[in-house]
Amino acid sequence: MLKAVSPLLLLLLAACAQSGSDDYPAAGRQHLRGFFASGNELQAFQLCGSSILIWVDRQESELGREKLQAIQEPSCDGGTTCPPRFGYVEIDALVSGPCQCGHASKFQRMLTVKEWLAASLTPPPDCPHAEPRYPQ
């Protein structure tokens, strides 16, 4: 027999369901899918369907870095006024807490990319791109 569910409980459950897409990935080594954002003083990752940006620490020696050529566009002549470019990627990365260093200090998490597994200007249908929320 089903019991009545409290309206407050239903509200809380609905709020959790709506905010779930903006959760940070768990700390540790992860296979992640989403969007790599690059621009003037910006290297960030955005999970599929999430508005949160995560700082990307690139060493330029990661495995598969040649795959990024598929999402790189010609340089913008506007310098600091160029908008960030977003391309779909799959990465093997180490997720850590914030780094109190340079531009990364504005972000709540940081990714150290171990390998670029895939890159494309066209994301798969199950990976929507949300409007990014830039840290202040």
C-alpha atoms as a PDB file:
ATOM      1  CA  MET A   1       0.000   0.000   0.000  1.00  0.00           C
ATOM      2  CA  LEU A   2       1.355   3.460  -0.927  1.00  0.00           C
ATOM      3  CA  LYS A   3       1.551   6.154   1.699  1.00  0.00           C
ATOM      4  CA  ALA A   4       1.076   9.850   0.987  1.00  0.00           C
ATOM      5  CA  VAL A   5       4.276  11.709   0.217  1.00  0.00           C
ATOM      6  CA  SER A   6       4.917  15.059   1.838  1.00  0.00           C
ATOM      7  CA  PRO A   7       4.773  18.045  -0.572  1.00  0.00           C
ATOM      8  CA  LEU A   8       8.000  19.315   1.020  1.00  0.00           C
ATOM      9  CA  LEU A   9       9.754  16.044   0.219  1.00  0.00           C
ATOM     10  CA  LEU A  10       8.552  16.256  -3.378  1.00  0.00           C
ATOM     11  CA  LEU A  11       9.899  19.819  -3.651  1.00  0.00           C
ATOM     12  CA  LEU A  12      13.285  18.756  -2.303  1.00  0.00           C
ATOM     13  CA  LEU A  13      13.493  15.809  -4.668  1.00  0.00           C
ATOM     14  CA  ALA A  14      12.584  18.011  -7.638  1.00  0.00           C
ATOM     15  CA  ALA A  15      15.258  20.549  -6.679  1.00  0.00           C
ATOM     16  CA  CYS A  16      17.875  17.813  -6.446  1.00  0.00           C
ATOM     17  CA  ALA A  17      16.900  16.416  -9.827  1.00  0.00           C
ATOM     18  CA  GLN A  18      17.189  19.835 -11.467  1.00  0.00           C
ATOM     19  CA  SER A  19      20.533  20.711  -9.907  1.00  0.00           C
ATOM     20  CA  GLY A  20      22.140  17.333 -10.581  1.00  0.00           C
ATOM     21  CA  SER A  21      23.443  18.369 -13.999  1.00  0.00           C
ATOM     22  CA  ASP A  22      25.594  21.081 -12.410  1.00  0.00           C
ATOM     23  CA  ASP A  23      27.468  18.817 -10.029  1.00  0.00           C
ATOM     24  CA  TYR A  24      31.250  18.694 -10.205  1.00  0.00           C
ATOM     25  CA  PRO A  25      32.851  15.402 -11.165  1.00  0.00           C
ATOM     26  CA  ALA A  26      34.254  13.379  -8.265  1.00  0.00           C
ATOM     27  CA  ALA A  27      37.895  13.862  -7.333  1.00  0.00           C
ATOM     28  CA  GLY A  28      40.301  11.358  -8.823  1.00  0.00           C
ATOM     29  CA  ARG A  29      40.968   9.934 -12.251  1.00  0.00           C
ATOM     30  CA  GLN A  30      37.919  10.140 -14.528  1.00  0.00           C
ATOM     31  CA  HIS A  31      36.826   9.512 -18.113  1.00  0.00           C
ATOM     32  CA  LEU A  32      34.905  12.707 -18.899  1.00  0.00           C
ATOM     33  CA  ARG A  33      32.775  13.877 -21.834  1.00  0.00           C
ATOM     34  CA  GLY A  34      31.979  17.482 -22.548  1.00  0.00           C
ATOM     35  CA  PHE A  35      33.386  20.637 -24.071  1.00  0.00           C
ATOM     36  CA  PHE A  36      36.875  22.105 -24.062  1.00  0.00           C
ATOM     37  CA  ALA A  37      36.766  25.890 -23.958  1.00  0.00           C
ATOM     38  CA  SER A  38      39.770  27.869 -25.068  1.00  0.00           C
ATOM     39  CA  GLY A  39      40.160  31.588 -25.388  1.00  0.00           C
ATOM     40  CA  ASN A  40      42.046  34.572 -24.066  1.00  0.00           C
ATOM     41  CA  GLU A  41      43.412  33.424 -20.688  1.00  0.00           C
ATOM     42  CA  LEU A  42      40.895  30.567 -20.607  1.00  0.00           C
ATOM     43  CA  GLN A  43      41.388  26.805 -20.756  1.00  0.00           C
ATOM     44  CA  ALA A  44      38.368  25.110 -19.256  1.00  0.00           C
ATOM     45  CA  PHE A  45      36.204  21.996 -19.442  1.00  0.00           C
ATOM     46  CA  GLN A  46      32.402  21.870 -19.298  1.00  0.00           C
ATOM     47  CA  LEU A  47      30.560  18.589 -18.702  1.00  0.00           C
ATOM     48  CA  CYS A  48      27.711  17.657 -21.043  1.00  0.00           C
ATOM     49  CA  GLY A  49      24.569  19.519 -19.973  1.00  0.00           C
ATOM     50  CA  SER A  50      26.316  21.478 -17.205  1.00  0.00           C
ATOM     51  CA  SER A  51      26.960  25.212 -17.041  1.00  0.00           C
ATOM     52  CA  ILE A  52      29.947  24.830 -14.699  1.00  0.00           C
ATOM     53  CA  LEU A  53      33.438  25.441 -16.068  1.00  0.00           C
ATOM     54  CA  ILE A  54      36.432  23.567 -14.650  1.00  0.00           C
ATOM     55  CA  TRP A  55      39.983  24.845 -15.178  1.00  0.00           C
ATOM     56  CA  VAL A  56      42.125  22.640 -17.441  1.00  0.00           C
ATOM     57  CA  ASP A  57      45.813  22.253 -16.646  1.00  0.00           C
ATOM     58  CA  ARG A  58      47.578  21.418 -19.905  1.00  0.00           C
ATOM     59  CA  GLN A  59      51.190  20.339 -20.054  1.00  0.00           C
ATOM     60  CA  GLU A  60      51.220  20.177 -23.895  1.00  0.00           C
ATOM     61  CA  SER A  61      52.660  16.657 -23.579  1.00  0.00           C
ATOM     62  CA  GLU A  62      49.389  14.757 -23.039  1.00  0.00           C
ATOM     63  CA  LEU A  63      48.680  11.674 -25.107  1.00  0.00           C
ATOM     64  CA  GLY A  64      46.319  12.357 -28.010  1.00  0.00           C
ATOM     65  CA  ARG A  65      46.883  16.150 -28.030  1.00  0.00           C
ATOM     66  CA  GLU A  66      46.936  16.061 -31.852  1.00  0.00           C
ATOM     67  CA  LYS A  67      43.180  15.320 -31.710  1.00  0.00           C
ATOM     68  CA  LEU A  68      42.615  18.945 -30.618  1.00  0.00           C
ATOM     69  CA  GLN A  69      43.388  20.064 -34.183  1.00  0.00           C
ATOM     70  CA  ALA A  70      39.850  18.942 -35.065  1.00  0.00           C
ATOM     71  CA  ILE A  71      38.338  21.660 -32.833  1.00  0.00           C
ATOM     72  CA  GLN A  72      40.834  24.470 -33.277  1.00  0.00           C
ATOM     73  CA  GLU A  73      39.742  27.399 -35.370  1.00  0.00           C
ATOM     74  CA  PRO A  74      41.891  30.032 -37.039  1.00  0.00           C
ATOM     75  CA  SER A  75      43.130  32.688 -34.675  1.00  0.00           C
ATOM     76  CA  CYS A  76      40.843  35.612 -34.042  1.00  0.00           C
ATOM     77  CA  ASP A  77      42.352  38.983 -34.922  1.00  0.00           C
ATOM     78  CA  GLY A  78      40.596  40.692 -32.014  1.00  0.00           C
ATOM     79  CA  GLY A  79      43.033  39.603 -29.294  1.00  0.00           C
ATOM     80  CA  THR A  80      41.377  39.885 -25.889  1.00  0.00           C
ATOM     81  CA  THR A  81      37.940  40.455 -27.453  1.00  0.00           C
ATOM     82  CA  CYS A  82      37.842  37.035 -29.118  1.00  0.00           C
ATOM     83  CA  PRO A  83      35.031  34.870 -27.700  1.00  0.00           C
ATOM     84  CA  PRO A  84      35.983  31.461 -26.257  1.00  0.00           C
ATOM     85  CA  ARG A  85      35.769  28.509 -28.651  1.00  0.00           C
ATOM     86  CA  PHE A  86      34.033  25.304 -27.512  1.00  0.00           C
ATOM     87  CA  GLY A  87      34.616  21.845 -28.991  1.00  0.00           C
ATOM     88  CA  TYR A  88      33.361  18.428 -27.896  1.00  0.00           C
ATOM     89  CA  VAL A  89      36.028  16.254 -26.230  1.00  0.00           C
ATOM     90  CA  GLU A  90      36.417  13.035 -24.328  1.00  0.00           C
ATOM     91  CA  ILE A  91      39.297  13.027 -21.895  1.00  0.00           C
ATOM     92  CA  ASP A  92      41.068  10.908 -19.327  1.00  0.00           C
ATOM     93  CA  ALA A  93      41.798  13.403 -16.547  1.00  0.00           C
ATOM     94  CA  LEU A  94      42.661  13.770 -12.912  1.00  0.00           C
ATOM     95  CA  VAL A  95      40.072  15.911 -11.077  1.00  0.00           C
ATOM     96  CA  SER A  96      41.319  17.893  -8.087  1.00  0.00           C
ATOM     97  CA  GLY A  97      40.225  20.771  -5.898  1.00  0.00           C
ATOM     98  CA  PRO A  98      40.968  24.399  -6.656  1.00  0.00           C
ATOM     99  CA  CYS A  99      44.493  25.585  -7.276  1.00  0.00           C
ATOM    100  CA  GLN A 100      45.427  28.939  -5.747  1.00  0.00           C
ATOM    101  CA  CYS A 101      47.543  29.782  -8.762  1.00  0.00           C
ATOM    102  CA  GLY A 102      46.965  32.336 -11.504  1.00  0.00           C
ATOM    103  CA  HIS A 103      43.718  32.141 -13.473  1.00  0.00           C
ATOM    104  CA  ALA A 104      42.952  28.695 -12.032  1.00  0.00           C
ATOM    105  CA  SER A 105      42.267  30.236  -8.611  1.00  0.00           C
ATOM    106  CA  LYS A 106      38.852  31.476  -9.821  1.00  0.00           C
ATOM    107  CA  PHE A 107      37.638  27.906 -10.434  1.00  0.00           C
ATOM    108  CA  GLN A 108      36.295  25.393  -7.880  1.00  0.00           C
ATOM    109  CA  ARG A 109      37.951  22.380  -9.552  1.00  0.00           C
ATOM    110  CA  MET A 110      40.901  21.703 -11.800  1.00  0.00           C
ATOM    111  CA  LEU A 111      41.512  18.946 -14.357  1.00  0.00           C
ATOM    112  CA  THR A 112      44.916  17.646 -15.288  1.00  0.00           C
ATOM    113  CA  VAL A 113      44.482  16.014 -18.688  1.00  0.00           C
ATOM    114  CA  LYS A 114      46.258  12.679 -19.019  1.00  0.00           C
ATOM    115  CA  GLU A 115      44.936  11.836 -22.491  1.00  0.00           C
ATOM    116  CA  TRP A 116      42.696  13.449 -25.127  1.00  0.00           C
ATOM    117  CA  LEU A 117      40.563  10.513 -26.270  1.00  0.00           C
ATOM    118  CA  ALA A 118      38.355  12.256 -28.872  1.00  0.00           C
ATOM    119  CA  ALA A 119      37.647  15.745 -30.237  1.00  0.00           C
ATOM    120  CA  SER A 120      34.990  17.024 -32.637  1.00  0.00           C
ATOM    121  CA  LEU A 121      33.172  20.230 -33.516  1.00  0.00           C
ATOM    122  CA  THR A 122      29.931  18.195 -33.541  1.00  0.00           C
ATOM    123  CA  PRO A 123      28.912  16.733 -30.179  1.00  0.00           C
ATOM    124  CA  PRO A 124      26.869  13.530 -29.974  1.00  0.00           C
ATOM    125  CA  PRO A 125      23.108  13.997 -29.423  1.00  0.00           C
ATOM    126  CA  ASP A 126      23.340  12.832 -25.803  1.00  0.00           C
ATOM    127  CA  CYS A 127      25.789  15.619 -24.904  1.00  0.00           C
ATOM    128  CA  PRO A 128      23.980  18.973 -24.883  1.00  0.00           C
ATOM    129  CA  HIS A 129      25.976  22.180 -24.511  1.00  0.00           C
ATOM    130  CA  ALA A 130      24.664  24.547 -21.832  1.00  0.00           C
ATOM    131  CA  GLU A 131      25.377  28.260 -21.564  1.00  0.00           C
ATOM    132  CA  PRO A 132      28.630  28.401 -19.545  1.00  0.00           C
ATOM    133  CA  ARG A 133      28.754  30.087 -16.151  1.00  0.00           C
ATOM    134  CA  TYR A 134      32.069  31.944 -15.939  1.00  0.00           C
ATOM    135  CA  PRO A 135      33.646  32.320 -12.492  1.00  0.00           C
ATOM    136  CA  GLN A 136      33.938  35.849 -11.124  1.00  0.00           C
END
